[in-house]
């Protein structure tokens, strides 16, 4: 059975929906109810789950991992994200988005080019990303380096990007599943927002 766990750290509620070592959803929110609601909405239909008051040892490790990503830290640890129930194109877009390193952003268009779909489809997948912020949809921006959209709000997206700036100045190409993904320094977006 999938367990839903939430914990408050520094006035933010972080959550994970997991079964054994498989993660079905991640969340962060301003209150426990919102974090739990986000998690429950990310679960596969007709799958039993239970909300627990205290995180398991595994859930606690995952919540710490999510908090580190939220804080803009470089993290090397990774966990198994359960994507089997998601459509193949959604899985491909989420895997490509996961490859965007801290300190960089990619456009909806560049992700669609690398995934073989359309920019609008990428935006729809980002809006329903069940693994935010670990699958960093906050690092996906419009082609002109505007923020685009973000289900958590554009102020939160901008705050993420400010925390993740690393002083990079050149674009990079990343190989993901044999395709190229162009990524740009987060400073390009922050400059446009006047936050450098």
C-alpha atoms as a PDB file:
ATOM      1  CA  UNK A   1       0.000   0.000   0.000  1.00  0.00           C
ATOM      2  CA  UNK A   2       1.216   3.492  -0.829  1.00  0.00           C
ATOM      3  CA  UNK A   3       1.921   5.661   2.189  1.00  0.00           C
ATOM      4  CA  UNK A   4       1.439   9.446   2.104  1.00  0.00           C
ATOM      5  CA  UNK A   5       3.722  11.335   4.472  1.00  0.00           C
ATOM      6  CA  UNK A   6       4.172  15.068   5.140  1.00  0.00           C
ATOM      7  CA  UNK A   7       6.547  16.953   7.385  1.00  0.00           C
ATOM      8  CA  UNK A   8       7.102  20.635   8.125  1.00  0.00           C
ATOM      9  CA  UNK A   9      10.626  22.004   7.799  1.00  0.00           C
ATOM     10  CA  UNK A  10      11.300  25.750   8.134  1.00  0.00           C
ATOM     11  CA  UNK A  11       7.649  26.771   7.554  1.00  0.00           C
ATOM     12  CA  UNK A  12       7.294  24.633   4.402  1.00  0.00           C
ATOM     13  CA  UNK A  13       5.460  21.297   4.286  1.00  0.00           C
ATOM     14  CA  UNK A  14       7.252  18.622   2.269  1.00  0.00           C
ATOM     15  CA  UNK A  15       5.635  15.352   1.327  1.00  0.00           C
ATOM     16  CA  UNK A  16       6.157  12.023  -0.359  1.00  0.00           C
ATOM     17  CA  UNK A  17       3.839   9.268  -1.514  1.00  0.00           C
ATOM     18  CA  UNK A  18       5.785   6.014  -1.595  1.00  0.00           C
ATOM     19  CA  UNK A  19       5.559   2.268  -1.394  1.00  0.00           C
ATOM     20  CA  UNK A  20       8.682   0.517  -0.179  1.00  0.00           C
ATOM     21  CA  UNK A  21      11.480   2.187  -2.231  1.00  0.00           C
ATOM     22  CA  UNK A  22       9.257   3.560  -5.047  1.00  0.00           C
ATOM     23  CA  UNK A  23       8.147   7.192  -5.068  1.00  0.00           C
ATOM     24  CA  UNK A  24       4.757   7.983  -6.635  1.00  0.00           C
ATOM     25  CA  UNK A  25       4.644  11.683  -5.814  1.00  0.00           C
ATOM     26  CA  UNK A  26       6.473  14.537  -4.134  1.00  0.00           C
ATOM     27  CA  UNK A  27       5.170  17.856  -2.891  1.00  0.00           C
ATOM     28  CA  UNK A  28       5.903  21.056  -1.066  1.00  0.00           C
ATOM     29  CA  UNK A  29       3.315  23.565   0.151  1.00  0.00           C
ATOM     30  CA  UNK A  30       2.554  26.166   2.780  1.00  0.00           C
ATOM     31  CA  UNK A  31       0.351  23.800   4.838  1.00  0.00           C
ATOM     32  CA  UNK A  32       0.006  20.083   5.532  1.00  0.00           C
ATOM     33  CA  UNK A  33      -3.407  19.797   3.855  1.00  0.00           C
ATOM     34  CA  UNK A  34      -2.109  21.283   0.586  1.00  0.00           C
ATOM     35  CA  UNK A  35       0.988  19.076   0.553  1.00  0.00           C
ATOM     36  CA  UNK A  36      -1.152  15.996   1.217  1.00  0.00           C
ATOM     37  CA  UNK A  37      -3.733  16.982  -1.436  1.00  0.00           C
ATOM     38  CA  UNK A  38      -0.990  17.407  -4.076  1.00  0.00           C
ATOM     39  CA  UNK A  39       0.350  13.951  -3.246  1.00  0.00           C
ATOM     40  CA  UNK A  40      -3.041  12.255  -3.334  1.00  0.00           C
ATOM     41  CA  UNK A  41      -3.797  13.871  -6.719  1.00  0.00           C
ATOM     42  CA  UNK A  42      -0.569  12.411  -8.154  1.00  0.00           C
ATOM     43  CA  UNK A  43      -1.406   8.805  -7.285  1.00  0.00           C
ATOM     44  CA  UNK A  44      -2.550   6.286  -9.891  1.00  0.00           C
ATOM     45  CA  UNK A  45      -6.318   5.774  -9.939  1.00  0.00           C
ATOM     46  CA  UNK A  46      -7.785   2.904  -7.931  1.00  0.00           C
ATOM     47  CA  UNK A  47      -4.592   2.294  -5.962  1.00  0.00           C
ATOM     48  CA  UNK A  48      -5.033   2.035  -2.187  1.00  0.00           C
ATOM     49  CA  UNK A  49      -3.111   4.471  -0.035  1.00  0.00           C
ATOM     50  CA  UNK A  50      -2.997   5.627   3.555  1.00  0.00           C
ATOM     51  CA  UNK A  51      -2.064   9.002   5.030  1.00  0.00           C
ATOM     52  CA  UNK A  52       0.351   8.678   7.953  1.00  0.00           C
ATOM     53  CA  UNK A  53       1.084  11.281  10.625  1.00  0.00           C
ATOM     54  CA  UNK A  54       4.750  10.405  10.956  1.00  0.00           C
ATOM     55  CA  UNK A  55       7.147   9.671   8.052  1.00  0.00           C
ATOM     56  CA  UNK A  56       8.756   6.253   7.757  1.00  0.00           C
ATOM     57  CA  UNK A  57      12.573   6.089   7.724  1.00  0.00           C
ATOM     58  CA  UNK A  58      12.561   5.947   3.899  1.00  0.00           C
ATOM     59  CA  UNK A  59      10.047   8.813   3.626  1.00  0.00           C
ATOM     60  CA  UNK A  60      12.198  10.882   5.994  1.00  0.00           C
ATOM     61  CA  UNK A  61      15.250  10.394   3.723  1.00  0.00           C
ATOM     62  CA  UNK A  62      13.208  11.379   0.660  1.00  0.00           C
ATOM     63  CA  UNK A  63      11.783  14.470   2.385  1.00  0.00           C
ATOM     64  CA  UNK A  64      15.330  15.571   3.275  1.00  0.00           C
ATOM     65  CA  UNK A  65      16.319  15.053  -0.380  1.00  0.00           C
ATOM     66  CA  UNK A  66      13.354  17.155  -1.573  1.00  0.00           C
ATOM     67  CA  UNK A  67      14.205  19.884   0.953  1.00  0.00           C
ATOM     68  CA  UNK A  68      17.787  20.026  -0.366  1.00  0.00           C
ATOM     69  CA  UNK A  69      16.534  20.388  -3.959  1.00  0.00           C
ATOM     70  CA  UNK A  70      14.048  23.033  -2.762  1.00  0.00           C
ATOM     71  CA  UNK A  71      16.943  24.940  -1.162  1.00  0.00           C
ATOM     72  CA  UNK A  72      18.877  24.973  -4.469  1.00  0.00           C
ATOM     73  CA  UNK A  73      21.572  22.561  -3.319  1.00  0.00           C
ATOM     74  CA  UNK A  74      23.407  20.232  -5.676  1.00  0.00           C
ATOM     75  CA  UNK A  75      22.263  16.728  -4.780  1.00  0.00           C
ATOM     76  CA  UNK A  76      23.872  13.522  -5.931  1.00  0.00           C
ATOM     77  CA  UNK A  77      21.516  11.076  -4.235  1.00  0.00           C
ATOM     78  CA  UNK A  78      18.631   9.738  -6.278  1.00  0.00           C
ATOM     79  CA  UNK A  79      15.633   7.518  -5.640  1.00  0.00           C
ATOM     80  CA  UNK A  80      13.350   5.420  -7.843  1.00  0.00           C
ATOM     81  CA  UNK A  81      10.493   7.521  -9.244  1.00  0.00           C
ATOM     82  CA  UNK A  82       7.558   5.240 -10.070  1.00  0.00           C
ATOM     83  CA  UNK A  83       6.561   6.286 -13.590  1.00  0.00           C
ATOM     84  CA  UNK A  84       5.251   2.968 -14.923  1.00  0.00           C
ATOM     85  CA  UNK A  85       1.637   4.136 -14.698  1.00  0.00           C
ATOM     86  CA  UNK A  86       2.327   7.314 -16.718  1.00  0.00           C
ATOM     87  CA  UNK A  87       1.953   7.531 -20.520  1.00  0.00           C
ATOM     88  CA  UNK A  88       5.213   6.918 -22.453  1.00  0.00           C
ATOM     89  CA  UNK A  89       5.489  10.497 -23.740  1.00  0.00           C
ATOM     90  CA  UNK A  90       4.983  11.897 -20.225  1.00  0.00           C
ATOM     91  CA  UNK A  91       7.739   9.622 -18.915  1.00  0.00           C
ATOM     92  CA  UNK A  92      10.072  10.750 -21.718  1.00  0.00           C
ATOM     93  CA  UNK A  93       9.437  14.460 -20.984  1.00  0.00           C
ATOM     94  CA  UNK A  94       9.955  13.962 -17.238  1.00  0.00           C
ATOM     95  CA  UNK A  95      13.211  12.053 -17.850  1.00  0.00           C
ATOM     96  CA  UNK A  96      14.502  14.817 -20.132  1.00  0.00           C
ATOM     97  CA  UNK A  97      13.484  17.491 -17.621  1.00  0.00           C
ATOM     98  CA  UNK A  98      15.344  15.563 -14.903  1.00  0.00           C
ATOM     99  CA  UNK A  99      18.553  16.000 -16.917  1.00  0.00           C
ATOM    100  CA  UNK A 100      18.508  19.822 -16.597  1.00  0.00           C
ATOM    101  CA  UNK A 101      21.321  20.514 -14.114  1.00  0.00           C
ATOM    102  CA  UNK A 102      21.219  22.998 -11.259  1.00  0.00           C
ATOM    103  CA  UNK A 103      22.165  26.436 -12.549  1.00  0.00           C
ATOM    104  CA  UNK A 104      20.584  25.914 -15.972  1.00  0.00           C
ATOM    105  CA  UNK A 105      17.176  26.163 -17.622  1.00  0.00           C
ATOM    106  CA  UNK A 106      15.690  24.715 -20.804  1.00  0.00           C
ATOM    107  CA  UNK A 107      12.841  26.025 -22.903  1.00  0.00           C
ATOM    108  CA  UNK A 108       9.567  24.207 -23.457  1.00  0.00           C
ATOM    109  CA  UNK A 109      10.571  24.116 -27.134  1.00  0.00           C
ATOM    110  CA  UNK A 110      13.985  22.565 -26.530  1.00  0.00           C
ATOM    111  CA  UNK A 111      12.430  19.860 -24.360  1.00  0.00           C
ATOM    112  CA  UNK A 112       9.792  19.194 -27.015  1.00  0.00           C
ATOM    113  CA  UNK A 113      12.524  18.929 -29.647  1.00  0.00           C
ATOM    114  CA  UNK A 114      14.467  16.445 -27.521  1.00  0.00           C
ATOM    115  CA  UNK A 115      11.329  14.447 -26.699  1.00  0.00           C
ATOM    116  CA  UNK A 116       9.779  14.425 -30.166  1.00  0.00           C
ATOM    117  CA  UNK A 117       6.603  16.320 -29.285  1.00  0.00           C
ATOM    118  CA  UNK A 118       5.220  19.835 -29.035  1.00  0.00           C
ATOM    119  CA  UNK A 119       5.985  22.708 -26.659  1.00  0.00           C
ATOM    120  CA  UNK A 120       2.359  22.964 -25.529  1.00  0.00           C
ATOM    121  CA  UNK A 121       2.333  19.255 -24.620  1.00  0.00           C
ATOM    122  CA  UNK A 122       5.507  19.785 -22.588  1.00  0.00           C
ATOM    123  CA  UNK A 123       3.833  22.675 -20.748  1.00  0.00           C
ATOM    124  CA  UNK A 124       0.838  20.491 -19.913  1.00  0.00           C
ATOM    125  CA  UNK A 125       3.094  17.767 -18.547  1.00  0.00           C
ATOM    126  CA  UNK A 126       5.045  20.295 -16.476  1.00  0.00           C
ATOM    127  CA  UNK A 127       1.756  21.576 -14.991  1.00  0.00           C
ATOM    128  CA  UNK A 128       0.972  18.045 -13.754  1.00  0.00           C
ATOM    129  CA  UNK A 129       4.504  17.015 -12.749  1.00  0.00           C
ATOM    130  CA  UNK A 130       4.043  14.618  -9.811  1.00  0.00           C
ATOM    131  CA  UNK A 131       7.708  14.819  -8.817  1.00  0.00           C
ATOM    132  CA  UNK A 132       8.325  18.551  -8.309  1.00  0.00           C
ATOM    133  CA  UNK A 133      10.827  19.915  -7.435  1.00  0.00           C
ATOM    134  CA  UNK A 134      13.073  16.852  -7.995  1.00  0.00           C
ATOM    135  CA  UNK A 135      11.952  16.667 -11.624  1.00  0.00           C
ATOM    136  CA  UNK A 136      12.752  20.361 -11.989  1.00  0.00           C
ATOM    137  CA  UNK A 137       9.801  21.818 -13.913  1.00  0.00           C
ATOM    138  CA  UNK A 138      10.812  25.147 -12.347  1.00  0.00           C
ATOM    139  CA  UNK A 139      13.844  25.034 -14.700  1.00  0.00           C
ATOM    140  CA  UNK A 140      11.614  24.997 -17.792  1.00  0.00           C
ATOM    141  CA  UNK A 141      11.026  28.471 -19.231  1.00  0.00           C
ATOM    142  CA  UNK A 142       9.749  30.141 -22.372  1.00  0.00           C
ATOM    143  CA  UNK A 143      11.997  30.531 -25.415  1.00  0.00           C
ATOM    144  CA  UNK A 144      12.552  34.239 -24.702  1.00  0.00           C
ATOM    145  CA  UNK A 145      13.715  33.426 -21.141  1.00  0.00           C
ATOM    146  CA  UNK A 146      10.415  34.462 -19.561  1.00  0.00           C
ATOM    147  CA  UNK A 147       9.193  32.292 -16.704  1.00  0.00           C
ATOM    148  CA  UNK A 148       6.346  30.711 -18.653  1.00  0.00           C
ATOM    149  CA  UNK A 149       4.002  29.088 -16.139  1.00  0.00           C
ATOM    150  CA  UNK A 150       4.270  27.300 -12.809  1.00  0.00           C
ATOM    151  CA  UNK A 151       1.506  25.654 -10.816  1.00  0.00           C
ATOM    152  CA  UNK A 152       3.091  26.842  -7.560  1.00  0.00           C
ATOM    153  CA  UNK A 153       3.102  30.464  -8.769  1.00  0.00           C
ATOM    154  CA  UNK A 154       5.630  32.504 -10.716  1.00  0.00           C
ATOM    155  CA  UNK A 155       7.084  34.094  -7.557  1.00  0.00           C
ATOM    156  CA  UNK A 156       8.016  30.637  -6.264  1.00  0.00           C
ATOM    157  CA  UNK A 157       9.487  29.686  -9.647  1.00  0.00           C
ATOM    158  CA  UNK A 158      11.624  32.853  -9.660  1.00  0.00           C
ATOM    159  CA  UNK A 159      12.735  32.164  -6.074  1.00  0.00           C
ATOM    160  CA  UNK A 160      13.831  28.652  -7.074  1.00  0.00           C
ATOM    161  CA  UNK A 161      15.903  30.048  -9.941  1.00  0.00           C
ATOM    162  CA  UNK A 162      17.537  32.697  -7.730  1.00  0.00           C
ATOM    163  CA  UNK A 163      18.589  29.977  -5.254  1.00  0.00           C
ATOM    164  CA  UNK A 164      19.998  27.874  -8.110  1.00  0.00           C
ATOM    165  CA  UNK A 165      22.178  30.458  -9.856  1.00  0.00           C
ATOM    166  CA  UNK A 166      25.772  29.348 -10.104  1.00  0.00           C
ATOM    167  CA  UNK A 167      27.400  32.076 -12.209  1.00  0.00           C
ATOM    168  CA  UNK A 168      27.406  30.093 -15.462  1.00  0.00           C
ATOM    169  CA  UNK A 169      27.590  32.145 -18.648  1.00  0.00           C
ATOM    170  CA  UNK A 170      27.489  29.707 -21.590  1.00  0.00           C
ATOM    171  CA  UNK A 171      24.834  27.436 -23.006  1.00  0.00           C
ATOM    172  CA  UNK A 172      25.410  23.682 -22.972  1.00  0.00           C
ATOM    173  CA  UNK A 173      24.139  20.724 -24.896  1.00  0.00           C
ATOM    174  CA  UNK A 174      23.238  17.649 -22.881  1.00  0.00           C
ATOM    175  CA  UNK A 175      22.738  14.232 -24.416  1.00  0.00           C
ATOM    176  CA  UNK A 176      19.559  12.563 -23.167  1.00  0.00           C
ATOM    177  CA  UNK A 177      18.630   9.167 -24.581  1.00  0.00           C
ATOM    178  CA  UNK A 178      20.603   9.890 -27.755  1.00  0.00           C
ATOM    179  CA  UNK A 179      19.009  13.308 -28.302  1.00  0.00           C
ATOM    180  CA  UNK A 180      20.433  16.760 -27.632  1.00  0.00           C
ATOM    181  CA  UNK A 181      18.923  19.142 -25.095  1.00  0.00           C
ATOM    182  CA  UNK A 182      20.061  22.773 -25.072  1.00  0.00           C
ATOM    183  CA  UNK A 183      20.278  24.307 -21.608  1.00  0.00           C
ATOM    184  CA  UNK A 184      21.047  27.909 -20.720  1.00  0.00           C
ATOM    185  CA  UNK A 185      22.431  29.523 -17.569  1.00  0.00           C
ATOM    186  CA  UNK A 186      19.704  30.495 -15.130  1.00  0.00           C
ATOM    187  CA  UNK A 187      21.262  33.977 -15.153  1.00  0.00           C
ATOM    188  CA  UNK A 188      19.695  34.552 -18.601  1.00  0.00           C
ATOM    189  CA  UNK A 189      16.230  34.337 -17.008  1.00  0.00           C
ATOM    190  CA  UNK A 190      17.196  36.299 -13.903  1.00  0.00           C
ATOM    191  CA  UNK A 191      18.638  39.089 -16.047  1.00  0.00           C
ATOM    192  CA  UNK A 192      15.339  39.348 -17.922  1.00  0.00           C
ATOM    193  CA  UNK A 193      13.481  39.458 -14.574  1.00  0.00           C
ATOM    194  CA  UNK A 194      15.879  42.089 -13.180  1.00  0.00           C
ATOM    195  CA  UNK A 195      16.984  39.717 -10.386  1.00  0.00           C
ATOM    196  CA  UNK A 196      20.729  39.456 -11.076  1.00  0.00           C
END
